[in-house]
Amino acid sequence: MPCGEDIEMTPEEQETWLQEKSAELEALMPLTDQEFLDEGSRLALQVGPPSFALCRQEAT
């Protein structure tokens, strides 16, 4: 679909286009807000807390 051109679509075509675009967006960003927060918490637990001992060694 070229940018800036008006495209005539039937209501059925609009619905199909909307469903296709929604599916594409879900593929790019499949998480809900809660799922995103849960995933961040899970990853933070895997990595563990920052090692401040390493920071002190670099500073000296």
PDB file of N, CA and C in Angstrom:
ATOM      1  N   MET A   1       0.847  -1.161   0.000  1.00  0.00           N
ATOM      2  CA  MET A   1       0.000   0.000   0.000  1.00  0.00           C
ATOM      3  C   MET A   1       0.906   1.243   0.000  1.00  0.00           C
ATOM      4  N   PRO A   2       0.933   1.989  -1.084  1.00  0.00           N
ATOM      5  CA  PRO A   2       1.795   3.172  -1.178  1.00  0.00           C
ATOM      6  C   PRO A   2       1.416   4.242  -0.158  1.00  0.00           C
ATOM      7  N   CYS A   3       2.406   4.923   0.311  1.00  0.00           N
ATOM      8  CA  CYS A   3       2.206   5.963   1.323  1.00  0.00           C
ATOM      9  C   CYS A   3       1.525   7.183   0.706  1.00  0.00           C
ATOM     10  N   GLY A   4       0.543   7.712   1.396  1.00  0.00           N
ATOM     11  CA  GLY A   4      -0.087   8.951   0.975  1.00  0.00           C
ATOM     12  C   GLY A   4      -1.224   8.793  -0.008  1.00  0.00           C
ATOM     13  N   GLU A   5      -1.455   7.584  -0.498  1.00  0.00           N
ATOM     14  CA  GLU A   5      -2.557   7.377  -1.438  1.00  0.00           C
ATOM     15  C   GLU A   5      -3.791   6.909  -0.680  1.00  0.00           C
ATOM     16  N   ASP A   6      -4.949   7.421  -1.092  1.00  0.00           N
ATOM     17  CA  ASP A   6      -6.203   6.952  -0.513  1.00  0.00           C
ATOM     18  C   ASP A   6      -6.561   5.620  -1.154  1.00  0.00           C
ATOM     19  N   ILE A   7      -6.854   4.653  -0.331  1.00  0.00           N
ATOM     20  CA  ILE A   7      -7.212   3.327  -0.815  1.00  0.00           C
ATOM     21  C   ILE A   7      -8.667   3.056  -0.441  1.00  0.00           C
ATOM     22  N   GLU A   8      -9.440   2.638  -1.413  1.00  0.00           N
ATOM     23  CA  GLU A   8     -10.834   2.286  -1.163  1.00  0.00           C
ATOM     24  C   GLU A   8     -10.889   0.813  -0.771  1.00  0.00           C
ATOM     25  N   MET A   9     -11.491   0.534   0.379  1.00  0.00           N
ATOM     26  CA  MET A   9     -11.647  -0.837   0.845  1.00  0.00           C
ATOM     27  C   MET A   9     -13.081  -1.064   1.279  1.00  0.00           C
ATOM     28  N   THR A  10     -13.532  -2.268   1.039  1.00  0.00           N
ATOM     29  CA  THR A  10     -14.844  -2.654   1.557  1.00  0.00           C
ATOM     30  C   THR A  10     -14.684  -2.903   3.060  1.00  0.00           C
ATOM     31  N   PRO A  11     -15.775  -2.914   3.811  1.00  0.00           N
ATOM     32  CA  PRO A  11     -15.668  -3.222   5.240  1.00  0.00           C
ATOM     33  C   PRO A  11     -15.003  -4.577   5.501  1.00  0.00           C
ATOM     34  N   GLU A  12     -15.257  -5.563   4.634  1.00  0.00           N
ATOM     35  CA  GLU A  12     -14.631  -6.876   4.790  1.00  0.00           C
ATOM     36  C   GLU A  12     -13.121  -6.790   4.578  1.00  0.00           C
ATOM     37  N   GLU A  13     -12.704  -6.027   3.563  1.00  0.00           N
ATOM     38  CA  GLU A  13     -11.270  -5.843   3.306  1.00  0.00           C
ATOM     39  C   GLU A  13     -10.608  -5.098   4.460  1.00  0.00           C
ATOM     40  N   GLN A  14     -11.299  -4.107   5.017  1.00  0.00           N
ATOM     41  CA  GLN A  14     -10.755  -3.377   6.157  1.00  0.00           C
ATOM     42  C   GLN A  14     -10.552  -4.305   7.348  1.00  0.00           C
ATOM     43  N   GLU A  15     -11.530  -5.171   7.606  1.00  0.00           N
ATOM     44  CA  GLU A  15     -11.433  -6.112   8.727  1.00  0.00           C
ATOM     45  C   GLU A  15     -10.271  -7.088   8.518  1.00  0.00           C
ATOM     46  N   THR A  16     -10.126  -7.593   7.308  1.00  0.00           N
ATOM     47  CA  THR A  16      -9.033  -8.510   6.997  1.00  0.00           C
ATOM     48  C   THR A  16      -7.691  -7.808   7.180  1.00  0.00           C
ATOM     49  N   TRP A  17      -7.583  -6.589   6.669  1.00  0.00           N
ATOM     50  CA  TRP A  17      -6.338  -5.829   6.781  1.00  0.00           C
ATOM     51  C   TRP A  17      -6.008  -5.569   8.252  1.00  0.00           C
ATOM     52  N   LEU A  18      -7.013  -5.199   9.031  1.00  0.00           N
ATOM     53  CA  LEU A  18      -6.800  -4.927  10.448  1.00  0.00           C
ATOM     54  C   LEU A  18      -6.342  -6.183  11.189  1.00  0.00           C
ATOM     55  N   GLN A  19      -6.930  -7.316  10.888  1.00  0.00           N
ATOM     56  CA  GLN A  19      -6.532  -8.570  11.524  1.00  0.00           C
ATOM     57  C   GLN A  19      -5.091  -8.937  11.165  1.00  0.00           C
ATOM     58  N   GLU A  20      -4.718  -8.746   9.893  1.00  0.00           N
ATOM     59  CA  GLU A  20      -3.348  -9.044   9.465  1.00  0.00           C
ATOM     60  C   GLU A  20      -2.339  -8.140  10.173  1.00  0.00           C
ATOM     61  N   LYS A  21      -2.634  -6.862  10.228  1.00  0.00           N
ATOM     62  CA  LYS A  21      -1.715  -5.917  10.876  1.00  0.00           C
ATOM     63  C   LYS A  21      -1.640  -6.159  12.373  1.00  0.00           C
ATOM     64  N   SER A  22      -2.762  -6.504  12.995  1.00  0.00           N
ATOM     65  CA  SER A  22      -2.756  -6.812  14.425  1.00  0.00           C
ATOM     66  C   SER A  22      -1.894  -8.029  14.710  1.00  0.00           C
ATOM     67  N   ALA A  23      -1.987  -9.049  13.860  1.00  0.00           N
ATOM     68  CA  ALA A  23      -1.172 -10.252  14.032  1.00  0.00           C
ATOM     69  C   ALA A  23       0.315  -9.923  13.874  1.00  0.00           C
ATOM     70  N   GLU A  24       0.650  -9.053  12.928  1.00  0.00           N
ATOM     71  CA  GLU A  24       2.046  -8.650  12.735  1.00  0.00           C
ATOM     72  C   GLU A  24       2.580  -7.921  13.973  1.00  0.00           C
ATOM     73  N   LEU A  25       1.762  -7.043  14.547  1.00  0.00           N
ATOM     74  CA  LEU A  25       2.182  -6.322  15.749  1.00  0.00           C
ATOM     75  C   LEU A  25       2.327  -7.258  16.941  1.00  0.00           C
ATOM     76  N   GLU A  26       1.431  -8.207  17.083  1.00  0.00           N
ATOM     77  CA  GLU A  26       1.532  -9.171  18.171  1.00  0.00           C
ATOM     78  C   GLU A  26       2.797 -10.002  18.044  1.00  0.00           C
ATOM     79  N   ALA A  27       3.210 -10.292  16.809  1.00  0.00           N
ATOM     80  CA  ALA A  27       4.451 -11.043  16.595  1.00  0.00           C
ATOM     81  C   ALA A  27       5.658 -10.218  17.035  1.00  0.00           C
ATOM     82  N   LEU A  28       5.580  -8.903  16.851  1.00  0.00           N
ATOM     83  CA  LEU A  28       6.683  -8.033  17.260  1.00  0.00           C
ATOM     84  C   LEU A  28       6.688  -7.789  18.763  1.00  0.00           C
ATOM     85  N   MET A  29       5.511  -7.698  19.353  1.00  0.00           N
ATOM     86  CA  MET A  29       5.392  -7.376  20.772  1.00  0.00           C
ATOM     87  C   MET A  29       4.314  -8.269  21.380  1.00  0.00           C
ATOM     88  N   PRO A  30       4.654  -9.550  21.597  1.00  0.00           N
ATOM     89  CA  PRO A  30       3.630 -10.503  22.000  1.00  0.00           C
ATOM     90  C   PRO A  30       3.221 -10.452  23.466  1.00  0.00           C
ATOM     91  N   LEU A  31       3.879  -9.654  24.280  1.00  0.00           N
ATOM     92  CA  LEU A  31       3.618  -9.670  25.713  1.00  0.00           C
ATOM     93  C   LEU A  31       2.626  -8.595  26.138  1.00  0.00           C
ATOM     94  N   THR A  32       1.779  -8.949  27.092  1.00  0.00           N
ATOM     95  CA  THR A  32       0.946  -7.942  27.745  1.00  0.00           C
ATOM     96  C   THR A  32       1.834  -7.201  28.746  1.00  0.00           C
ATOM     97  N   ASP A  33       1.333  -6.132  29.336  1.00  0.00           N
ATOM     98  CA  ASP A  33       2.121  -5.392  30.321  1.00  0.00           C
ATOM     99  C   ASP A  33       2.541  -6.288  31.476  1.00  0.00           C
ATOM    100  N   GLN A  34       1.614  -7.102  31.971  1.00  0.00           N
ATOM    101  CA  GLN A  34       1.937  -7.981  33.098  1.00  0.00           C
ATOM    102  C   GLN A  34       2.957  -9.043  32.701  1.00  0.00           C
ATOM    103  N   GLU A  35       2.809  -9.598  31.505  1.00  0.00           N
ATOM    104  CA  GLU A  35       3.772 -10.593  31.030  1.00  0.00           C
ATOM    105  C   GLU A  35       5.162  -9.976  30.894  1.00  0.00           C
ATOM    106  N   PHE A  36       5.217  -8.724  30.433  1.00  0.00           N
ATOM    107  CA  PHE A  36       6.494  -8.027  30.299  1.00  0.00           C
ATOM    108  C   PHE A  36       7.165  -7.870  31.664  1.00  0.00           C
ATOM    109  N   LEU A  37       6.402  -7.437  32.665  1.00  0.00           N
ATOM    110  CA  LEU A  37       6.952  -7.269  34.006  1.00  0.00           C
ATOM    111  C   LEU A  37       7.409  -8.610  34.586  1.00  0.00           C
ATOM    112  N   ASP A  38       6.611  -9.651  34.372  1.00  0.00           N
ATOM    113  CA  ASP A  38       6.978 -10.981  34.851  1.00  0.00           C
ATOM    114  C   ASP A  38       8.265 -11.465  34.195  1.00  0.00           C
ATOM    115  N   GLU A  39       8.393 -11.254  32.901  1.00  0.00           N
ATOM    116  CA  GLU A  39       9.602 -11.670  32.181  1.00  0.00           C
ATOM    117  C   GLU A  39      10.821 -10.898  32.684  1.00  0.00           C
ATOM    118  N   GLY A  40      10.663  -9.606  32.927  1.00  0.00           N
ATOM    119  CA  GLY A  40      11.774  -8.819  33.470  1.00  0.00           C
ATOM    120  C   GLY A  40      12.198  -9.313  34.840  1.00  0.00           C
ATOM    121  N   SER A  41      11.234  -9.639  35.679  1.00  0.00           N
ATOM    122  CA  SER A  41      11.549 -10.175  37.006  1.00  0.00           C
ATOM    123  C   SER A  41      12.256 -11.518  36.897  1.00  0.00           C
ATOM    124  N   ARG A  42      11.788 -12.361  35.997  1.00  0.00           N
ATOM    125  CA  ARG A  42      12.406 -13.672  35.817  1.00  0.00           C
ATOM    126  C   ARG A  42      13.855 -13.531  35.360  1.00  0.00           C
ATOM    127  N   LEU A  43      14.090 -12.638  34.403  1.00  0.00           N
ATOM    128  CA  LEU A  43      15.449 -12.437  33.905  1.00  0.00           C
ATOM    129  C   LEU A  43      16.353 -11.829  34.971  1.00  0.00           C
ATOM    130  N   ALA A  44      15.819 -10.923  35.773  1.00  0.00           N
ATOM    131  CA  ALA A  44      16.612 -10.310  36.840  1.00  0.00           C
ATOM    132  C   ALA A  44      17.029 -11.365  37.862  1.00  0.00           C
ATOM    133  N   LEU A  45      16.155 -12.313  38.140  1.00  0.00           N
ATOM    134  CA  LEU A  45      16.495 -13.372  39.084  1.00  0.00           C
ATOM    135  C   LEU A  45      17.559 -14.309  38.512  1.00  0.00           C
ATOM    136  N   GLN A  46      17.538 -14.527  37.212  1.00  0.00           N
ATOM    137  CA  GLN A  46      18.543 -15.378  36.585  1.00  0.00           C
ATOM    138  C   GLN A  46      19.925 -14.737  36.645  1.00  0.00           C
ATOM    139  N   VAL A  47      19.969 -13.449  36.418  1.00  0.00           N
ATOM    140  CA  VAL A  47      21.242 -12.735  36.398  1.00  0.00           C
ATOM    141  C   VAL A  47      21.763 -12.546  37.818  1.00  0.00           C
ATOM    142  N   GLY A  48      20.881 -12.270  38.739  1.00  0.00           N
ATOM    143  CA  GLY A  48      21.270 -12.053  40.120  1.00  0.00           C
ATOM    144  C   GLY A  48      21.584 -10.592  40.379  1.00  0.00           C
ATOM    145  N   PRO A  49      21.862 -10.280  41.635  1.00  0.00           N
ATOM    146  CA  PRO A  49      22.143  -8.882  41.984  1.00  0.00           C
ATOM    147  C   PRO A  49      23.487  -8.445  41.412  1.00  0.00           C
ATOM    148  N   PRO A  50      23.676  -7.147  41.255  1.00  0.00           N
ATOM    149  CA  PRO A  50      24.966  -6.660  40.742  1.00  0.00           C
ATOM    150  C   PRO A  50      26.071  -6.970  41.738  1.00  0.00           C
ATOM    151  N   SER A  51      27.242  -7.213  41.207  1.00  0.00           N
ATOM    152  CA  SER A  51      28.385  -7.520  42.060  1.00  0.00           C
ATOM    153  C   SER A  51      29.136  -6.223  42.344  1.00  0.00           C
ATOM    154  N   PHE A  52      28.924  -5.691  43.542  1.00  0.00           N
ATOM    155  CA  PHE A  52      29.584  -4.446  43.911  1.00  0.00           C
ATOM    156  C   PHE A  52      31.067  -4.667  44.167  1.00  0.00           C
ATOM    157  N   ALA A  53      31.465  -5.902  44.422  1.00  0.00           N
ATOM    158  CA  ALA A  53      32.883  -6.198  44.621  1.00  0.00           C
ATOM    159  C   ALA A  53      33.659  -5.889  43.345  1.00  0.00           C
ATOM    160  N   LEU A  54      33.092  -6.193  42.206  1.00  0.00           N
ATOM    161  CA  LEU A  54      33.759  -5.892  40.945  1.00  0.00           C
ATOM    162  C   LEU A  54      33.907  -4.388  40.756  1.00  0.00           C
ATOM    163  N   CYS A  55      32.915  -3.631  41.145  1.00  0.00           N
ATOM    164  CA  CYS A  55      32.981  -2.174  41.016  1.00  0.00           C
ATOM    165  C   CYS A  55      34.101  -1.616  41.901  1.00  0.00           C
ATOM    166  N   ARG A  56      34.233  -2.138  43.104  1.00  0.00           N
ATOM    167  CA  ARG A  56      35.287  -1.647  44.002  1.00  0.00           C
ATOM    168  C   ARG A  56      36.665  -1.983  43.454  1.00  0.00           C
ATOM    169  N   GLN A  57      36.819  -3.163  42.832  1.00  0.00           N
ATOM    170  CA  GLN A  57      38.106  -3.541  42.286  1.00  0.00           C
ATOM    171  C   GLN A  57      38.513  -2.622  41.138  1.00  0.00           C
ATOM    172  N   GLU A  58      37.567  -2.254  40.323  1.00  0.00           N
ATOM    173  CA  GLU A  58      37.870  -1.383  39.182  1.00  0.00           C
ATOM    174  C   GLU A  58      38.213   0.028  39.666  1.00  0.00           C
ATOM    175  N   ALA A  59      37.625   0.468  40.742  1.00  0.00           N
ATOM    176  CA  ALA A  59      37.856   1.817  41.231  1.00  0.00           C
ATOM    177  C   ALA A  59      39.250   1.970  41.844  1.00  0.00           C
ATOM    178  N   THR A  60      39.823   0.900  42.329  1.00  0.00           N
ATOM    179  CA  THR A  60      41.139   0.997  42.982  1.00  0.00           C
ATOM    180  C   THR A  60      42.252   0.898  42.012  1.00  0.00           C
TER     181      THR A  60
END
